[in-house]
Amino acid sequence: MVVNPYKCEMESNETGNTEITFSRLDQEEFFPKGTLPWPSAQIARMPHRWFKVLLVVLCFALLCGLIALGVLYVEKNNMADSLEARNRNLSASMFSLQQELAANGGCIWTRHLGRAYYFSSQRMNWTQSRDYCISKGATLVIIKSEQKQSFLLANIRETHWIGLSDLETEGQWHWVDDTPISPTEIQFWHTRPNGEHEPDNWTGGGDPTGEDCAALGYSGGNLEEWFDASCTVQKRFVCEK
């Protein structure tokens, strides 16, 4: 007797519907091993495989996140250390500046070639300027070199009194340390195109006594040379010590 491999049975369920089911023939006889129409074993393994892949991806992402957080933490610490060091340096500089201001009566002095210079922000007449410098243990600046002249010019933007005058005797110019200006030493008096030059003791500026005090430049400009002016004029000044 030949068994029909395609034999099937009719079964009725409780609702009366008829279902067609394969008889309990050996599936391996009906569908030889390895020839099942649906890869049930592979399908069973696929969710497990994708779960492993997803787990690896998540672990990698977590590792990358931890590394990024570590880098940010290190950078933050380095930045904090740098800011703290800068703050310490600024505090030290501020303390040093406060000490220097206290020692110099609130004046900021600029150092150049072993000397200290104060460029005033206030304006005074020549005598007041001289006395102010003396009160700070200094003198109105004395210029006896081109190097010092250049240094002063680099630090001013308007006319300033210097420590030179002929108040004692007209025409005999002396520095504030009582040394006379020598004809052989360097001088920076202004010379006009017509050959006239400073000092000229001009009396047309409103001071009948003339011009007995020297300044770098004048109110109209030309700061690179010396001009005599009325000692009563209010100007900025330079102290030196």
C-alpha atoms as a PDB file:
ATOM      1  CA  MET A   1       0.000   0.000   0.000  1.00  0.00           C
ATOM      2  CA  VAL A   2       1.406   3.341  -1.005  1.00  0.00           C
ATOM      3  CA  VAL A   3       1.078   6.172   1.468  1.00  0.00           C
ATOM      4  CA  ASN A   4       0.131   9.403  -0.083  1.00  0.00           C
ATOM      5  CA  PRO A   5       2.662  11.931   1.268  1.00  0.00           C
ATOM      6  CA  TYR A   6       0.246  14.719   0.609  1.00  0.00           C
ATOM      7  CA  LYS A   7      -2.553  13.155   2.631  1.00  0.00           C
ATOM      8  CA  CYS A   8      -4.368  15.621   4.797  1.00  0.00           C
ATOM      9  CA  GLU A   9      -7.237  15.407   7.207  1.00  0.00           C
ATOM     10  CA  MET A  10     -10.317  17.468   7.627  1.00  0.00           C
ATOM     11  CA  GLU A  11     -10.953  18.589  11.160  1.00  0.00           C
ATOM     12  CA  SER A  12     -13.804  20.589  12.536  1.00  0.00           C
ATOM     13  CA  ASN A  13     -13.284  23.011  15.386  1.00  0.00           C
ATOM     14  CA  GLU A  14     -15.790  23.888  18.021  1.00  0.00           C
ATOM     15  CA  THR A  15     -17.330  26.617  15.923  1.00  0.00           C
ATOM     16  CA  GLY A  16     -18.036  24.186  13.192  1.00  0.00           C
ATOM     17  CA  ASN A  17     -15.433  25.551  10.825  1.00  0.00           C
ATOM     18  CA  THR A  18     -13.355  23.037   9.007  1.00  0.00           C
ATOM     19  CA  GLU A  19      -9.587  23.255   9.120  1.00  0.00           C
ATOM     20  CA  ILE A  20      -7.200  21.427   6.910  1.00  0.00           C
ATOM     21  CA  THR A  21      -4.161  20.130   8.711  1.00  0.00           C
ATOM     22  CA  PHE A  22      -1.354  17.924   7.628  1.00  0.00           C
ATOM     23  CA  SER A  23      -1.430  14.482   9.047  1.00  0.00           C
ATOM     24  CA  ARG A  24       1.244  13.766  11.531  1.00  0.00           C
ATOM     25  CA  LEU A  25       3.608  12.555   8.922  1.00  0.00           C
ATOM     26  CA  ASP A  26       7.190  13.021   9.701  1.00  0.00           C
ATOM     27  CA  GLN A  27       8.083  16.523   8.454  1.00  0.00           C
ATOM     28  CA  GLU A  28      11.460  15.256   7.539  1.00  0.00           C
ATOM     29  CA  GLU A  29       9.813  12.785   5.195  1.00  0.00           C
ATOM     30  CA  PHE A  30       7.567  15.403   3.632  1.00  0.00           C
ATOM     31  CA  PHE A  31      10.239  18.111   3.608  1.00  0.00           C
ATOM     32  CA  PRO A  32      13.644  16.490   3.666  1.00  0.00           C
ATOM     33  CA  LYS A  33      16.106  17.833   6.155  1.00  0.00           C
ATOM     34  CA  GLY A  34      17.491  21.217   5.147  1.00  0.00           C
ATOM     35  CA  THR A  35      14.678  21.874   2.635  1.00  0.00           C
ATOM     36  CA  LEU A  36      12.044  23.389   4.917  1.00  0.00           C
ATOM     37  CA  PRO A  37      10.337  26.275   3.118  1.00  0.00           C
ATOM     38  CA  TRP A  38      10.818  28.631   6.130  1.00  0.00           C
ATOM     39  CA  PRO A  39      14.121  28.968   8.008  1.00  0.00           C
ATOM     40  CA  SER A  40      12.595  28.493  11.419  1.00  0.00           C
ATOM     41  CA  ALA A  41      15.933  27.838  13.117  1.00  0.00           C
ATOM     42  CA  GLN A  42      17.487  30.918  11.528  1.00  0.00           C
ATOM     43  CA  ILE A  43      14.500  33.040  12.427  1.00  0.00           C
ATOM     44  CA  ALA A  44      14.800  31.847  15.995  1.00  0.00           C
ATOM     45  CA  ARG A  45      18.445  32.885  16.094  1.00  0.00           C
ATOM     46  CA  MET A  46      18.094  36.321  14.417  1.00  0.00           C
ATOM     47  CA  PRO A  47      16.589  38.268  17.371  1.00  0.00           C
ATOM     48  CA  HIS A  48      19.351  36.990  19.620  1.00  0.00           C
ATOM     49  CA  ARG A  49      22.017  38.019  17.089  1.00  0.00           C
ATOM     50  CA  TRP A  50      20.598  41.532  16.627  1.00  0.00           C
ATOM     51  CA  PHE A  51      20.393  41.903  20.373  1.00  0.00           C
ATOM     52  CA  LYS A  52      24.129  41.214  20.614  1.00  0.00           C
ATOM     53  CA  VAL A  53      24.890  43.770  17.877  1.00  0.00           C
ATOM     54  CA  LEU A  54      22.734  46.386  19.583  1.00  0.00           C
ATOM     55  CA  LEU A  55      24.409  45.678  22.905  1.00  0.00           C
ATOM     56  CA  VAL A  56      27.875  46.141  21.351  1.00  0.00           C
ATOM     57  CA  VAL A  57      26.799  49.431  19.741  1.00  0.00           C
ATOM     58  CA  LEU A  58      25.386  50.716  23.020  1.00  0.00           C
ATOM     59  CA  CYS A  59      28.548  49.725  24.882  1.00  0.00           C
ATOM     60  CA  PHE A  60      30.692  51.519  22.286  1.00  0.00           C
ATOM     61  CA  ALA A  61      28.534  54.642  22.505  1.00  0.00           C
ATOM     62  CA  LEU A  62      28.768  54.567  26.288  1.00  0.00           C
ATOM     63  CA  LEU A  63      32.552  54.204  26.110  1.00  0.00           C
ATOM     64  CA  CYS A  64      32.801  57.162  23.730  1.00  0.00           C
ATOM     65  CA  GLY A  65      30.616  59.231  26.041  1.00  0.00           C
ATOM     66  CA  LEU A  66      32.795  58.388  29.042  1.00  0.00           C
ATOM     67  CA  ILE A  67      35.941  59.300  27.116  1.00  0.00           C
ATOM     68  CA  ALA A  68      34.406  62.640  26.054  1.00  0.00           C
ATOM     69  CA  LEU A  69      33.390  63.397  29.631  1.00  0.00           C
ATOM     70  CA  GLY A  70      36.906  62.562  30.792  1.00  0.00           C
ATOM     71  CA  VAL A  71      38.453  64.909  28.239  1.00  0.00           C
ATOM     72  CA  LEU A  72      36.056  67.709  29.207  1.00  0.00           C
ATOM     73  CA  TYR A  73      36.817  67.149  32.876  1.00  0.00           C
ATOM     74  CA  VAL A  74      40.570  67.379  32.279  1.00  0.00           C
ATOM     75  CA  GLU A  75      40.186  70.510  30.139  1.00  0.00           C
ATOM     76  CA  LYS A  76      37.969  72.088  32.775  1.00  0.00           C
ATOM     77  CA  ASN A  77      40.538  71.384  35.484  1.00  0.00           C
ATOM     78  CA  ASN A  78      43.353  72.768  33.323  1.00  0.00           C
ATOM     79  CA  MET A  79      41.342  75.911  32.599  1.00  0.00           C
ATOM     80  CA  ALA A  80      40.524  76.326  36.276  1.00  0.00           C
ATOM     81  CA  ASP A  81      44.216  75.976  37.175  1.00  0.00           C
ATOM     82  CA  SER A  82      45.179  78.509  34.490  1.00  0.00           C
ATOM     83  CA  LEU A  83      42.573  81.018  35.681  1.00  0.00           C
ATOM     84  CA  GLU A  84      43.641  80.543  39.279  1.00  0.00           C
ATOM     85  CA  ALA A  85      47.299  81.150  38.354  1.00  0.00           C
ATOM     86  CA  ARG A  86      46.346  84.251  36.358  1.00  0.00           C
ATOM     87  CA  ASN A  87      44.271  85.511  39.264  1.00  0.00           C
ATOM     88  CA  ARG A  88      47.221  85.041  41.617  1.00  0.00           C
ATOM     89  CA  ASN A  89      49.489  86.960  39.230  1.00  0.00           C
ATOM     90  CA  LEU A  90      46.964  89.786  38.898  1.00  0.00           C
ATOM     91  CA  SER A  91      46.553  89.952  42.668  1.00  0.00           C
ATOM     92  CA  ALA A  92      50.324  90.114  43.119  1.00  0.00           C
ATOM     93  CA  SER A  93      50.611  92.836  40.465  1.00  0.00           C
ATOM     94  CA  MET A  94      47.781  94.807  42.059  1.00  0.00           C
ATOM     95  CA  PHE A  95      49.381  94.539  45.477  1.00  0.00           C
ATOM     96  CA  SER A  96      52.736  95.661  44.056  1.00  0.00           C
ATOM     97  CA  LEU A  97      51.060  98.590  42.294  1.00  0.00           C
ATOM     98  CA  GLN A  98      49.235  99.597  45.469  1.00  0.00           C
ATOM     99  CA  GLN A  99      52.515  99.527  47.379  1.00  0.00           C
ATOM    100  CA  GLU A 100      54.216 101.614  44.694  1.00  0.00           C
ATOM    101  CA  LEU A 101      51.358 104.110  44.674  1.00  0.00           C
ATOM    102  CA  ALA A 102      51.470 104.374  48.446  1.00  0.00           C
ATOM    103  CA  ALA A 103      55.236 104.859  48.402  1.00  0.00           C
ATOM    104  CA  ASN A 104      54.973 107.553  45.710  1.00  0.00           C
ATOM    105  CA  GLY A 105      52.032 109.485  47.071  1.00  0.00           C
ATOM    106  CA  GLY A 106      49.508 108.037  44.630  1.00  0.00           C
ATOM    107  CA  CYS A 107      51.619 108.690  41.504  1.00  0.00           C
ATOM    108  CA  ILE A 108      52.410 106.102  38.848  1.00  0.00           C
ATOM    109  CA  TRP A 109      56.047 106.316  37.794  1.00  0.00           C
ATOM    110  CA  THR A 110      57.524 105.057  34.542  1.00  0.00           C
ATOM    111  CA  ARG A 111      61.036 103.608  34.719  1.00  0.00           C
ATOM    112  CA  HIS A 112      63.662 104.243  32.056  1.00  0.00           C
ATOM    113  CA  LEU A 113      67.389 103.532  32.214  1.00  0.00           C
ATOM    114  CA  GLY A 114      67.544 103.473  35.999  1.00  0.00           C
ATOM    115  CA  ARG A 115      65.426 106.610  36.485  1.00  0.00           C
ATOM    116  CA  ALA A 116      61.728 107.046  37.310  1.00  0.00           C
ATOM    117  CA  TYR A 117      59.443 109.561  35.596  1.00  0.00           C
ATOM    118  CA  TYR A 118      56.034 110.886  36.501  1.00  0.00           C
ATOM    119  CA  PHE A 119      53.895 112.319  33.687  1.00  0.00           C
ATOM    120  CA  SER A 120      51.257 114.440  35.353  1.00  0.00           C
ATOM    121  CA  SER A 121      47.597 114.390  34.446  1.00  0.00           C
ATOM    122  CA  GLN A 122      46.919 117.683  36.246  1.00  0.00           C
ATOM    123  CA  ARG A 123      48.027 121.109  35.035  1.00  0.00           C
ATOM    124  CA  MET A 124      49.923 123.662  37.097  1.00  0.00           C
ATOM    125  CA  ASN A 125      52.047 126.715  36.450  1.00  0.00           C
ATOM    126  CA  TRP A 126      55.815 126.230  36.277  1.00  0.00           C
ATOM    127  CA  THR A 127      56.544 127.103  39.932  1.00  0.00           C
ATOM    128  CA  GLN A 128      53.740 124.853  41.214  1.00  0.00           C
ATOM    129  CA  SER A 129      54.985 122.035  38.986  1.00  0.00           C
ATOM    130  CA  ARG A 130      58.527 122.410  40.332  1.00  0.00           C
ATOM    131  CA  ASP A 131      57.287 122.370  43.935  1.00  0.00           C
ATOM    132  CA  TYR A 132      55.031 119.366  43.304  1.00  0.00           C
ATOM    133  CA  CYS A 133      57.981 117.350  42.015  1.00  0.00           C
ATOM    134  CA  ILE A 134      60.042 118.359  45.041  1.00  0.00           C
ATOM    135  CA  SER A 135      57.234 117.137  47.328  1.00  0.00           C
ATOM    136  CA  LYS A 136      57.583 113.707  45.703  1.00  0.00           C
ATOM    137  CA  GLY A 137      61.337 113.583  46.233  1.00  0.00           C
ATOM    138  CA  ALA A 138      61.949 114.452  42.573  1.00  0.00           C
ATOM    139  CA  THR A 139      62.681 117.402  40.288  1.00  0.00           C
ATOM    140  CA  LEU A 140      61.210 118.757  37.087  1.00  0.00           C
ATOM    141  CA  VAL A 141      62.864 116.732  34.343  1.00  0.00           C
ATOM    142  CA  ILE A 142      66.359 117.711  33.185  1.00  0.00           C
ATOM    143  CA  ILE A 143      67.184 116.882  29.553  1.00  0.00           C
ATOM    144  CA  LYS A 144      70.819 116.511  28.560  1.00  0.00           C
ATOM    145  CA  SER A 145      70.645 113.750  25.947  1.00  0.00           C
ATOM    146  CA  GLU A 146      68.794 112.967  22.763  1.00  0.00           C
ATOM    147  CA  GLN A 147      67.868 109.579  24.230  1.00  0.00           C
ATOM    148  CA  LYS A 148      65.990 111.153  27.130  1.00  0.00           C
ATOM    149  CA  GLN A 149      64.342 113.659  24.790  1.00  0.00           C
ATOM    150  CA  SER A 150      63.078 110.794  22.620  1.00  0.00           C
ATOM    151  CA  PHE A 151      61.802 108.885  25.652  1.00  0.00           C
ATOM    152  CA  LEU A 152      59.824 111.901  26.872  1.00  0.00           C
ATOM    153  CA  LEU A 153      58.340 112.587  23.441  1.00  0.00           C
ATOM    154  CA  ALA A 154      57.129 108.988  23.242  1.00  0.00           C
ATOM    155  CA  ASN A 155      55.100 109.490  26.420  1.00  0.00           C
ATOM    156  CA  ILE A 156      53.389 112.852  25.909  1.00  0.00           C
ATOM    157  CA  ARG A 157      50.552 114.082  23.711  1.00  0.00           C
ATOM    158  CA  GLU A 158      50.627 117.759  24.640  1.00  0.00           C
ATOM    159  CA  THR A 159      53.031 120.390  25.931  1.00  0.00           C
ATOM    160  CA  HIS A 160      54.736 119.696  29.323  1.00  0.00           C
ATOM    161  CA  TRP A 161      56.903 121.830  31.603  1.00  0.00           C
ATOM    162  CA  ILE A 162      60.557 120.836  31.951  1.00  0.00           C
ATOM    163  CA  GLY A 163      63.033 121.925  34.622  1.00  0.00           C
ATOM    164  CA  LEU A 164      64.621 124.850  32.764  1.00  0.00           C
ATOM    165  CA  SER A 165      64.137 128.598  33.368  1.00  0.00           C
ATOM    166  CA  ASP A 166      65.838 132.013  33.390  1.00  0.00           C
ATOM    167  CA  LEU A 167      63.819 133.365  36.298  1.00  0.00           C
ATOM    168  CA  GLU A 168      66.904 134.537  38.170  1.00  0.00           C
ATOM    169  CA  THR A 169      68.574 136.420  35.337  1.00  0.00           C
ATOM    170  CA  GLU A 170      67.070 137.055  31.928  1.00  0.00           C
ATOM    171  CA  GLY A 171      68.880 135.133  29.233  1.00  0.00           C
ATOM    172  CA  GLN A 172      70.796 132.889  31.655  1.00  0.00           C
ATOM    173  CA  TRP A 173      69.007 129.576  31.584  1.00  0.00           C
ATOM    174  CA  HIS A 174      69.489 127.149  34.457  1.00  0.00           C
ATOM    175  CA  TRP A 175      68.219 123.689  35.199  1.00  0.00           C
ATOM    176  CA  VAL A 176      66.380 123.137  38.465  1.00  0.00           C
ATOM    177  CA  ASP A 177      69.539 121.581  39.951  1.00  0.00           C
ATOM    178  CA  ASP A 178      71.153 125.054  39.474  1.00  0.00           C
ATOM    179  CA  THR A 179      73.455 123.918  36.662  1.00  0.00           C
ATOM    180  CA  PRO A 180      73.534 126.440  33.771  1.00  0.00           C
ATOM    181  CA  ILE A 181      72.724 125.240  30.291  1.00  0.00           C
ATOM    182  CA  SER A 182      76.016 125.086  28.451  1.00  0.00           C
ATOM    183  CA  PRO A 183      76.363 126.343  24.871  1.00  0.00           C
ATOM    184  CA  THR A 184      78.170 123.105  24.049  1.00  0.00           C
ATOM    185  CA  GLU A 185      75.567 120.712  25.423  1.00  0.00           C
ATOM    186  CA  ILE A 186      72.687 119.370  23.370  1.00  0.00           C
ATOM    187  CA  GLN A 187      69.673 121.682  23.138  1.00  0.00           C
ATOM    188  CA  PHE A 188      66.324 121.368  21.404  1.00  0.00           C
ATOM    189  CA  TRP A 189      65.151 124.978  21.059  1.00  0.00           C
ATOM    190  CA  HIS A 190      62.775 125.617  18.170  1.00  0.00           C
ATOM    191  CA  THR A 191      64.158 127.546  15.168  1.00  0.00           C
ATOM    192  CA  ARG A 192      61.820 129.306  12.753  1.00  0.00           C
ATOM    193  CA  PRO A 193      62.255 129.328   8.965  1.00  0.00           C
ATOM    194  CA  ASN A 194      63.362 132.982   9.104  1.00  0.00           C
ATOM    195  CA  GLY A 195      66.234 132.093  11.429  1.00  0.00           C
ATOM    196  CA  GLU A 196      64.634 133.385  14.640  1.00  0.00           C
ATOM    197  CA  HIS A 197      64.643 130.852  17.438  1.00  0.00           C
ATOM    198  CA  GLU A 198      63.483 130.164  20.952  1.00  0.00           C
ATOM    199  CA  PRO A 199      63.847 131.381  23.631  1.00  0.00           C
ATOM    200  CA  ASP A 200      62.573 134.761  22.505  1.00  0.00           C
ATOM    201  CA  ASN A 201      61.038 136.125  25.754  1.00  0.00           C
ATOM    202  CA  TRP A 202      57.872 137.116  23.903  1.00  0.00           C
ATOM    203  CA  THR A 203      55.721 139.592  25.832  1.00  0.00           C
ATOM    204  CA  GLY A 204      52.724 139.591  23.524  1.00  0.00           C
ATOM    205  CA  GLY A 205      51.072 136.665  25.241  1.00  0.00           C
ATOM    206  CA  GLY A 206      49.603 138.712  28.069  1.00  0.00           C
ATOM    207  CA  ASP A 207      52.496 138.424  30.538  1.00  0.00           C
ATOM    208  CA  PRO A 208      54.517 141.653  30.592  1.00  0.00           C
ATOM    209  CA  THR A 209      57.400 139.868  32.299  1.00  0.00           C
ATOM    210  CA  GLY A 210      57.919 137.786  29.184  1.00  0.00           C
ATOM    211  CA  GLU A 211      58.618 134.082  28.905  1.00  0.00           C
ATOM    212  CA  ASP A 212      61.022 132.718  31.507  1.00  0.00           C
ATOM    213  CA  CYS A 213      60.167 128.992  31.697  1.00  0.00           C
ATOM    214  CA  ALA A 214      60.810 126.187  29.215  1.00  0.00           C
ATOM    215  CA  ALA A 215      58.442 123.486  27.995  1.00  0.00           C
ATOM    216  CA  LEU A 216      58.376 120.611  25.588  1.00  0.00           C
ATOM    217  CA  GLY A 217      56.254 121.925  22.752  1.00  0.00           C
ATOM    218  CA  TYR A 218      53.590 124.607  22.976  1.00  0.00           C
ATOM    219  CA  SER A 219      49.803 124.704  23.003  1.00  0.00           C
ATOM    220  CA  GLY A 220      49.627 124.768  19.210  1.00  0.00           C
ATOM    221  CA  GLY A 221      51.637 121.576  18.769  1.00  0.00           C
ATOM    222  CA  ASN A 222      55.226 120.763  17.713  1.00  0.00           C
ATOM    223  CA  LEU A 223      56.099 118.728  20.795  1.00  0.00           C
ATOM    224  CA  GLU A 224      59.544 117.757  19.532  1.00  0.00           C
ATOM    225  CA  GLU A 225      61.266 121.027  20.478  1.00  0.00           C
ATOM    226  CA  TRP A 226      61.628 123.430  23.416  1.00  0.00           C
ATOM    227  CA  PHE A 227      59.709 126.684  23.695  1.00  0.00           C
ATOM    228  CA  ASP A 228      59.934 129.364  26.346  1.00  0.00           C
ATOM    229  CA  ALA A 229      56.582 130.393  27.785  1.00  0.00           C
ATOM    230  CA  SER A 230      55.088 132.507  30.527  1.00  0.00           C
ATOM    231  CA  CYS A 231      55.676 130.730  33.831  1.00  0.00           C
ATOM    232  CA  THR A 232      52.066 131.461  34.835  1.00  0.00           C
ATOM    233  CA  VAL A 233      50.581 129.236  32.099  1.00  0.00           C
ATOM    234  CA  GLN A 234      48.958 126.006  33.298  1.00  0.00           C
ATOM    235  CA  LYS A 235      50.619 122.975  31.737  1.00  0.00           C
ATOM    236  CA  ARG A 236      51.215 119.347  32.481  1.00  0.00           C
ATOM    237  CA  PHE A 237      54.728 118.505  33.634  1.00  0.00           C
ATOM    238  CA  VAL A 238      57.282 115.703  34.020  1.00  0.00           C
ATOM    239  CA  CYS A 239      58.961 114.827  37.315  1.00  0.00           C
ATOM    240  CA  GLU A 240      62.181 112.793  37.468  1.00  0.00           C
ATOM    241  CA  LYS A 241      63.990 110.942  40.241  1.00  0.00           C
END
